[in-house]
Amino acid sequence: IVPRGGTKTLQQIINQLEYLSRKGKLKLQRSARHLDIFVPPDQMRELARSWVQETGTYDEGQPDEERQQELTTHIIVSFPAG
């Protein structure tokens, strides 16, 4: 787990999705729980918005600098070659 590596704001989640998709050049695919569907680049903002709403604790009126709850957790894994 990366200490303080999680996102706390809607914009940070959007930034992470853009980073992971290389600004829309790579397809992002949802998990089997979400039917393995691909997320078109123009729907990443809506995906991020639904993510924060599903936490049940995200208040859109709260200033970003006051947010304490992490909405994501970052981990680092290593896989052997091959």
PDB file of N, CA and C in Angstrom:
ATOM      1  N   ILE A   1       0.857  -1.175   0.000  1.00  0.00           N
ATOM      2  CA  ILE A   1       0.000   0.000   0.000  1.00  0.00           C
ATOM      3  C   ILE A   1       0.902   1.236   0.000  1.00  0.00           C
ATOM      4  N   VAL A   2       0.528   2.199  -0.798  1.00  0.00           N
ATOM      5  CA  VAL A   2       1.280   3.449  -0.871  1.00  0.00           C
ATOM      6  C   VAL A   2       0.681   4.425   0.145  1.00  0.00           C
ATOM      7  N   PRO A   3       1.429   4.801   1.187  1.00  0.00           N
ATOM      8  CA  PRO A   3       0.896   5.748   2.171  1.00  0.00           C
ATOM      9  C   PRO A   3       0.485   7.055   1.499  1.00  0.00           C
ATOM     10  N   ARG A   4      -0.698   7.526   1.829  1.00  0.00           N
ATOM     11  CA  ARG A   4      -1.255   8.769   1.283  1.00  0.00           C
ATOM     12  C   ARG A   4      -1.295   8.755  -0.243  1.00  0.00           C
ATOM     13  N   GLY A   5      -1.411   7.553  -0.827  1.00  0.00           N
ATOM     14  CA  GLY A   5      -1.418   7.445  -2.276  1.00  0.00           C
ATOM     15  C   GLY A   5      -2.798   7.466  -2.893  1.00  0.00           C
ATOM     16  N   GLY A   6      -3.834   7.451  -2.054  1.00  0.00           N
ATOM     17  CA  GLY A   6      -5.192   7.415  -2.579  1.00  0.00           C
ATOM     18  C   GLY A   6      -5.687   8.783  -3.014  1.00  0.00           C
ATOM     19  N   THR A   7      -6.782   8.771  -3.735  1.00  0.00           N
ATOM     20  CA  THR A   7      -7.403  10.020  -4.171  1.00  0.00           C
ATOM     21  C   THR A   7      -8.472  10.428  -3.167  1.00  0.00           C
ATOM     22  N   LYS A   8      -8.703  11.728  -3.060  1.00  0.00           N
ATOM     23  CA  LYS A   8      -9.693  12.255  -2.120  1.00  0.00           C
ATOM     24  C   LYS A   8     -10.751  13.118  -2.796  1.00  0.00           C
ATOM     25  N   THR A   9     -10.575  13.413  -4.076  1.00  0.00           N
ATOM     26  CA  THR A   9     -11.515  14.304  -4.761  1.00  0.00           C
ATOM     27  C   THR A   9     -11.963  13.691  -6.086  1.00  0.00           C
ATOM     28  N   LEU A  10     -13.074  14.197  -6.573  1.00  0.00           N
ATOM     29  CA  LEU A  10     -13.583  13.775  -7.875  1.00  0.00           C
ATOM     30  C   LEU A  10     -12.538  14.025  -8.958  1.00  0.00           C
ATOM     31  N   GLN A  11     -11.931  15.205  -8.943  1.00  0.00           N
ATOM     32  CA  GLN A  11     -10.949  15.534  -9.980  1.00  0.00           C
ATOM     33  C   GLN A  11      -9.744  14.610  -9.918  1.00  0.00           C
ATOM     34  N   GLN A  12      -9.322  14.212  -8.729  1.00  0.00           N
ATOM     35  CA  GLN A  12      -8.190  13.293  -8.613  1.00  0.00           C
ATOM     36  C   GLN A  12      -8.526  11.930  -9.211  1.00  0.00           C
ATOM     37  N   ILE A  13      -9.764  11.474  -9.051  1.00  0.00           N
ATOM     38  CA  ILE A  13     -10.164  10.204  -9.666  1.00  0.00           C
ATOM     39  C   ILE A  13     -10.175  10.350 -11.185  1.00  0.00           C
ATOM     40  N   ILE A  14     -10.701  11.453 -11.682  1.00  0.00           N
ATOM     41  CA  ILE A  14     -10.684  11.700 -13.129  1.00  0.00           C
ATOM     42  C   ILE A  14      -9.247  11.699 -13.639  1.00  0.00           C
ATOM     43  N   ASN A  15      -8.353  12.368 -12.921  1.00  0.00           N
ATOM     44  CA  ASN A  15      -6.943  12.403 -13.320  1.00  0.00           C
ATOM     45  C   ASN A  15      -6.345  11.000 -13.356  1.00  0.00           C
ATOM     46  N   GLN A  16      -6.685  10.160 -12.379  1.00  0.00           N
ATOM     47  CA  GLN A  16      -6.172   8.795 -12.342  1.00  0.00           C
ATOM     48  C   GLN A  16      -6.678   7.996 -13.539  1.00  0.00           C
ATOM     49  N   LEU A  17      -7.966   8.130 -13.860  1.00  0.00           N
ATOM     50  CA  LEU A  17      -8.522   7.413 -15.007  1.00  0.00           C
ATOM     51  C   LEU A  17      -7.858   7.874 -16.303  1.00  0.00           C
ATOM     52  N   GLU A  18      -7.628   9.170 -16.432  1.00  0.00           N
ATOM     53  CA  GLU A  18      -6.943   9.683 -17.621  1.00  0.00           C
ATOM     54  C   GLU A  18      -5.514   9.154 -17.693  1.00  0.00           C
ATOM     55  N   TYR A  19      -4.848   9.084 -16.553  1.00  0.00           N
ATOM     56  CA  TYR A  19      -3.482   8.550 -16.515  1.00  0.00           C
ATOM     57  C   TYR A  19      -3.473   7.081 -16.924  1.00  0.00           C
ATOM     58  N   LEU A  20      -4.373   6.295 -16.329  1.00  0.00           N
ATOM     59  CA  LEU A  20      -4.408   4.860 -16.626  1.00  0.00           C
ATOM     60  C   LEU A  20      -4.742   4.580 -18.085  1.00  0.00           C
ATOM     61  N   SER A  21      -5.571   5.431 -18.680  1.00  0.00           N
ATOM     62  CA  SER A  21      -5.960   5.231 -20.081  1.00  0.00           C
ATOM     63  C   SER A  21      -5.034   5.969 -21.041  1.00  0.00           C
ATOM     64  N   ARG A  22      -4.005   6.565 -20.491  1.00  0.00           N
ATOM     65  CA  ARG A  22      -3.070   7.377 -21.294  1.00  0.00           C
ATOM     66  C   ARG A  22      -3.832   8.418 -22.105  1.00  0.00           C
ATOM     67  N   LYS A  23      -4.675   9.129 -21.366  1.00  0.00           N
ATOM     68  CA  LYS A  23      -5.516  10.199 -21.937  1.00  0.00           C
ATOM     69  C   LYS A  23      -6.437   9.674 -23.036  1.00  0.00           C
ATOM     70  N   GLY A  24      -7.003   8.482 -22.806  1.00  0.00           N
ATOM     71  CA  GLY A  24      -7.978   7.916 -23.729  1.00  0.00           C
ATOM     72  C   GLY A  24      -7.399   7.065 -24.833  1.00  0.00           C
ATOM     73  N   LYS A  25      -6.086   6.886 -24.880  1.00  0.00           N
ATOM     74  CA  LYS A  25      -5.468   6.076 -25.934  1.00  0.00           C
ATOM     75  C   LYS A  25      -5.589   4.583 -25.655  1.00  0.00           C
ATOM     76  N   LEU A  26      -5.711   4.200 -24.380  1.00  0.00           N
ATOM     77  CA  LEU A  26      -5.914   2.798 -24.007  1.00  0.00           C
ATOM     78  C   LEU A  26      -7.324   2.635 -23.470  1.00  0.00           C
ATOM     79  N   LYS A  27      -7.918   1.488 -23.738  1.00  0.00           N
ATOM     80  CA  LYS A  27      -9.268   1.224 -23.251  1.00  0.00           C
ATOM     81  C   LYS A  27      -9.223   0.785 -21.792  1.00  0.00           C
ATOM     82  N   LEU A  28     -10.103   1.357 -20.996  1.00  0.00           N
ATOM     83  CA  LEU A  28     -10.282   0.902 -19.624  1.00  0.00           C
ATOM     84  C   LEU A  28     -11.464  -0.056 -19.604  1.00  0.00           C
ATOM     85  N   GLN A  29     -11.313  -1.147 -18.884  1.00  0.00           N
ATOM     86  CA  GLN A  29     -12.374  -2.145 -18.810  1.00  0.00           C
ATOM     87  C   GLN A  29     -12.816  -2.296 -17.367  1.00  0.00           C
ATOM     88  N   ARG A  30     -14.121  -2.286 -17.149  1.00  0.00           N
ATOM     89  CA  ARG A  30     -14.661  -2.456 -15.806  1.00  0.00           C
ATOM     90  C   ARG A  30     -14.546  -3.914 -15.387  1.00  0.00           C
ATOM     91  N   SER A  31     -14.719  -4.171 -14.120  1.00  0.00           N
ATOM     92  CA  SER A  31     -14.607  -5.523 -13.576  1.00  0.00           C
ATOM     93  C   SER A  31     -15.796  -6.386 -13.989  1.00  0.00           C
ATOM     94  N   ALA A  32     -15.680  -7.686 -13.737  1.00  0.00           N
ATOM     95  CA  ALA A  32     -16.766  -8.622 -14.048  1.00  0.00           C
ATOM     96  C   ALA A  32     -18.039  -8.219 -13.314  1.00  0.00           C
ATOM     97  N   ARG A  33     -17.881  -7.699 -12.116  1.00  0.00           N
ATOM     98  CA  ARG A  33     -19.039  -7.233 -11.341  1.00  0.00           C
ATOM     99  C   ARG A  33     -19.820  -6.167 -12.106  1.00  0.00           C
ATOM    100  N   HIS A  34     -19.129  -5.446 -12.962  1.00  0.00           N
ATOM    101  CA  HIS A  34     -19.752  -4.396 -13.770  1.00  0.00           C
ATOM    102  C   HIS A  34     -19.790  -4.794 -15.243  1.00  0.00           C
ATOM    103  N   LEU A  35     -19.918  -6.097 -15.484  1.00  0.00           N
ATOM    104  CA  LEU A  35     -20.150  -6.679 -16.810  1.00  0.00           C
ATOM    105  C   LEU A  35     -18.965  -6.583 -17.770  1.00  0.00           C
ATOM    106  N   ASP A  36     -17.773  -6.324 -17.262  1.00  0.00           N
ATOM    107  CA  ASP A  36     -16.567  -6.274 -18.095  1.00  0.00           C
ATOM    108  C   ASP A  36     -16.657  -5.270 -19.245  1.00  0.00           C
ATOM    109  N   ILE A  37     -17.513  -4.286 -19.115  1.00  0.00           N
ATOM    110  CA  ILE A  37     -17.675  -3.339 -20.225  1.00  0.00           C
ATOM    111  C   ILE A  37     -16.493  -2.374 -20.299  1.00  0.00           C
ATOM    112  N   PHE A  38     -16.207  -1.916 -21.503  1.00  0.00           N
ATOM    113  CA  PHE A  38     -15.172  -0.912 -21.706  1.00  0.00           C
ATOM    114  C   PHE A  38     -15.768   0.466 -21.434  1.00  0.00           C
ATOM    115  N   VAL A  39     -14.954   1.346 -20.924  1.00  0.00           N
ATOM    116  CA  VAL A  39     -15.389   2.704 -20.611  1.00  0.00           C
ATOM    117  C   VAL A  39     -14.850   3.638 -21.687  1.00  0.00           C
ATOM    118  N   PRO A  40     -15.735   4.182 -22.523  1.00  0.00           N
ATOM    119  CA  PRO A  40     -15.275   5.129 -23.539  1.00  0.00           C
ATOM    120  C   PRO A  40     -14.669   6.363 -22.864  1.00  0.00           C
ATOM    121  N   PRO A  41     -13.646   6.952 -23.471  1.00  0.00           N
ATOM    122  CA  PRO A  41     -12.997   8.125 -22.863  1.00  0.00           C
ATOM    123  C   PRO A  41     -13.972   9.239 -22.487  1.00  0.00           C
ATOM    124  N   ASP A  42     -15.018   9.429 -23.295  1.00  0.00           N
ATOM    125  CA  ASP A  42     -15.959  10.507 -22.993  1.00  0.00           C
ATOM    126  C   ASP A  42     -16.878  10.188 -21.819  1.00  0.00           C
ATOM    127  N   GLN A  43     -16.790   8.967 -21.269  1.00  0.00           N
ATOM    128  CA  GLN A  43     -17.609   8.598 -20.115  1.00  0.00           C
ATOM    129  C   GLN A  43     -16.793   8.471 -18.824  1.00  0.00           C
ATOM    130  N   MET A  44     -15.500   8.793 -18.871  1.00  0.00           N
ATOM    131  CA  MET A  44     -14.662   8.668 -17.674  1.00  0.00           C
ATOM    132  C   MET A  44     -15.106   9.617 -16.567  1.00  0.00           C
ATOM    133  N   ARG A  45     -15.499  10.823 -16.922  1.00  0.00           N
ATOM    134  CA  ARG A  45     -15.956  11.782 -15.904  1.00  0.00           C
ATOM    135  C   ARG A  45     -17.201  11.245 -15.197  1.00  0.00           C
ATOM    136  N   GLU A  46     -18.128  10.677 -15.948  1.00  0.00           N
ATOM    137  CA  GLU A  46     -19.339  10.124 -15.337  1.00  0.00           C
ATOM    138  C   GLU A  46     -19.012   8.906 -14.476  1.00  0.00           C
ATOM    139  N   LEU A  47     -18.072   8.085 -14.913  1.00  0.00           N
ATOM    140  CA  LEU A  47     -17.636   6.943 -14.107  1.00  0.00           C
ATOM    141  C   LEU A  47     -17.059   7.434 -12.780  1.00  0.00           C
ATOM    142  N   ALA A  48     -16.224   8.451 -12.828  1.00  0.00           N
ATOM    143  CA  ALA A  48     -15.632   9.004 -11.604  1.00  0.00           C
ATOM    144  C   ALA A  48     -16.713   9.573 -10.690  1.00  0.00           C
ATOM    145  N   ARG A  49     -17.673  10.261 -11.262  1.00  0.00           N
ATOM    146  CA  ARG A  49     -18.761  10.834 -10.461  1.00  0.00           C
ATOM    147  C   ARG A  49     -19.569   9.730  -9.777  1.00  0.00           C
ATOM    148  N   SER A  50     -19.875   8.662 -10.493  1.00  0.00           N
ATOM    149  CA  SER A  50     -20.635   7.570  -9.870  1.00  0.00           C
ATOM    150  C   SER A  50     -19.799   6.893  -8.786  1.00  0.00           C
ATOM    151  N   TRP A  51     -18.481   6.826  -8.993  1.00  0.00           N
ATOM    152  CA  TRP A  51     -17.576   6.236  -7.998  1.00  0.00           C
ATOM    153  C   TRP A  51     -17.687   6.986  -6.670  1.00  0.00           C
ATOM    154  N   VAL A  52     -17.582   8.318  -6.733  1.00  0.00           N
ATOM    155  CA  VAL A  52     -17.625   9.084  -5.489  1.00  0.00           C
ATOM    156  C   VAL A  52     -19.012   9.051  -4.858  1.00  0.00           C
ATOM    157  N   GLN A  53     -20.052   9.004  -5.667  1.00  0.00           N
ATOM    158  CA  GLN A  53     -21.405   8.946  -5.120  1.00  0.00           C
ATOM    159  C   GLN A  53     -21.667   7.618  -4.423  1.00  0.00           C
ATOM    160  N   GLU A  54     -21.087   6.534  -4.935  1.00  0.00           N
ATOM    161  CA  GLU A  54     -21.294   5.219  -4.331  1.00  0.00           C
ATOM    162  C   GLU A  54     -20.648   5.089  -2.956  1.00  0.00           C
ATOM    163  N   THR A  55     -19.710   5.968  -2.622  1.00  0.00           N
ATOM    164  CA  THR A  55     -19.111   5.899  -1.287  1.00  0.00           C
ATOM    165  C   THR A  55     -20.131   6.249  -0.219  1.00  0.00           C
ATOM    166  N   GLY A  56     -21.121   7.061  -0.585  1.00  0.00           N
ATOM    167  CA  GLY A  56     -22.139   7.468   0.367  1.00  0.00           C
ATOM    168  C   GLY A  56     -21.677   8.541   1.335  1.00  0.00           C
ATOM    169  N   THR A  57     -20.423   8.933   1.257  1.00  0.00           N
ATOM    170  CA  THR A  57     -19.897   9.931   2.192  1.00  0.00           C
ATOM    171  C   THR A  57     -19.335  11.152   1.482  1.00  0.00           C
ATOM    172  N   TYR A  58     -19.415  11.191   0.174  1.00  0.00           N
ATOM    173  CA  TYR A  58     -18.821  12.289  -0.590  1.00  0.00           C
ATOM    174  C   TYR A  58     -19.800  13.447  -0.672  1.00  0.00           C
ATOM    175  N   ASP A  59     -19.424  14.583  -0.151  1.00  0.00           N
ATOM    176  CA  ASP A  59     -20.240  15.790  -0.185  1.00  0.00           C
ATOM    177  C   ASP A  59     -19.641  16.729  -1.223  1.00  0.00           C
ATOM    178  N   GLU A  60     -20.337  16.909  -2.334  1.00  0.00           N
ATOM    179  CA  GLU A  60     -19.791  17.737  -3.417  1.00  0.00           C
ATOM    180  C   GLU A  60     -19.605  19.190  -3.006  1.00  0.00           C
ATOM    181  N   GLY A  61     -20.297  19.622  -1.954  1.00  0.00           N
ATOM    182  CA  GLY A  61     -20.163  20.997  -1.495  1.00  0.00           C
ATOM    183  C   GLY A  61     -18.963  21.226  -0.587  1.00  0.00           C
ATOM    184  N   GLN A  62     -18.327  20.160  -0.150  1.00  0.00           N
ATOM    185  CA  GLN A  62     -17.178  20.284   0.754  1.00  0.00           C
ATOM    186  C   GLN A  62     -15.945  20.735  -0.030  1.00  0.00           C
ATOM    187  N   PRO A  63     -15.222  21.723   0.477  1.00  0.00           N
ATOM    188  CA  PRO A  63     -13.992  22.157  -0.210  1.00  0.00           C
ATOM    189  C   PRO A  63     -12.974  21.014  -0.278  1.00  0.00           C
ATOM    190  N   ASP A  64     -12.298  20.888  -1.407  1.00  0.00           N
ATOM    191  CA  ASP A  64     -11.336  19.797  -1.601  1.00  0.00           C
ATOM    192  C   ASP A  64     -10.266  19.763  -0.520  1.00  0.00           C
ATOM    193  N   GLU A  65      -9.802  20.932  -0.077  1.00  0.00           N
ATOM    194  CA  GLU A  65      -8.720  20.953   0.909  1.00  0.00           C
ATOM    195  C   GLU A  65      -9.150  20.418   2.280  1.00  0.00           C
ATOM    196  N   GLU A  66     -10.459  20.279   2.510  1.00  0.00           N
ATOM    197  CA  GLU A  66     -10.950  19.749   3.786  1.00  0.00           C
ATOM    198  C   GLU A  66     -11.201  18.244   3.743  1.00  0.00           C
ATOM    199  N   ARG A  67     -11.062  17.638   2.595  1.00  0.00           N
ATOM    200  CA  ARG A  67     -11.369  16.210   2.473  1.00  0.00           C
ATOM    201  C   ARG A  67     -10.305  15.366   3.151  1.00  0.00           C
ATOM    202  N   GLN A  68     -10.760  14.396   3.941  1.00  0.00           N
ATOM    203  CA  GLN A  68      -9.847  13.503   4.650  1.00  0.00           C
ATOM    204  C   GLN A  68      -9.969  12.057   4.179  1.00  0.00           C
ATOM    205  N   GLN A  69     -11.172  11.644   3.757  1.00  0.00           N
ATOM    206  CA  GLN A  69     -11.396  10.252   3.377  1.00  0.00           C
ATOM    207  C   GLN A  69     -10.819   9.958   2.003  1.00  0.00           C
ATOM    208  N   GLU A  70     -10.023   8.897   1.921  1.00  0.00           N
ATOM    209  CA  GLU A  70      -9.503   8.480   0.625  1.00  0.00           C
ATOM    210  C   GLU A  70     -10.581   7.689  -0.110  1.00  0.00           C
ATOM    211  N   LEU A  71     -10.748   7.985  -1.379  1.00  0.00           N
ATOM    212  CA  LEU A  71     -11.736   7.312  -2.215  1.00  0.00           C
ATOM    213  C   LEU A  71     -11.132   6.127  -2.950  1.00  0.00           C
ATOM    214  N   THR A  72      -9.805   6.082  -3.021  1.00  0.00           N
ATOM    215  CA  THR A  72      -9.101   4.963  -3.646  1.00  0.00           C
ATOM    216  C   THR A  72      -7.885   4.625  -2.794  1.00  0.00           C
ATOM    217  N   THR A  73      -7.335   3.450  -3.028  1.00  0.00           N
ATOM    218  CA  THR A  73      -6.101   3.024  -2.382  1.00  0.00           C
ATOM    219  C   THR A  73      -5.134   2.611  -3.473  1.00  0.00           C
ATOM    220  N   HIS A  74      -3.903   3.029  -3.364  1.00  0.00           N
ATOM    221  CA  HIS A  74      -2.893   2.673  -4.358  1.00  0.00           C
ATOM    222  C   HIS A  74      -1.990   1.594  -3.780  1.00  0.00           C
ATOM    223  N   ILE A  75      -1.771   0.570  -4.578  1.00  0.00           N
ATOM    224  CA  ILE A  75      -0.866  -0.500  -4.175  1.00  0.00           C
ATOM    225  C   ILE A  75       0.160  -0.714  -5.280  1.00  0.00           C
ATOM    226  N   ILE A  76       1.286  -1.262  -4.913  1.00  0.00           N
ATOM    227  CA  ILE A  76       2.319  -1.593  -5.895  1.00  0.00           C
ATOM    228  C   ILE A  76       2.510  -3.098  -5.853  1.00  0.00           C
ATOM    229  N   VAL A  77       2.469  -3.718  -7.019  1.00  0.00           N
ATOM    230  CA  VAL A  77       2.705  -5.159  -7.113  1.00  0.00           C
ATOM    231  C   VAL A  77       3.813  -5.402  -8.130  1.00  0.00           C
ATOM    232  N   SER A  78       4.464  -6.523  -7.982  1.00  0.00           N
ATOM    233  CA  SER A  78       5.538  -6.876  -8.898  1.00  0.00           C
ATOM    234  C   SER A  78       5.295  -8.291  -9.400  1.00  0.00           C
ATOM    235  N   PHE A  79       5.413  -8.473 -10.681  1.00  0.00           N
ATOM    236  CA  PHE A  79       5.228  -9.787 -11.282  1.00  0.00           C
ATOM    237  C   PHE A  79       6.520 -10.190 -11.978  1.00  0.00           C
ATOM    238  N   PRO A  80       6.899 -11.449 -11.849  1.00  0.00           N
ATOM    239  CA  PRO A  80       8.110 -11.892 -12.548  1.00  0.00           C
ATOM    240  C   PRO A  80       7.905 -11.848 -14.061  1.00  0.00           C
ATOM    241  N   ALA A  81       8.968 -11.654 -14.784  1.00  0.00           N
ATOM    242  CA  ALA A  81       8.892 -11.639 -16.249  1.00  0.00           C
ATOM    243  C   ALA A  81       8.391 -12.980 -16.753  1.00  0.00           C
ATOM    244  N   GLY A  82       7.617 -12.929 -17.844  1.00  0.00           N
ATOM    245  CA  GLY A  82       7.150 -14.163 -18.466  1.00  0.00           C
ATOM    246  C   GLY A  82       5.860 -14.538 -17.979  1.00  0.00           C
TER     247      GLY A  82
END
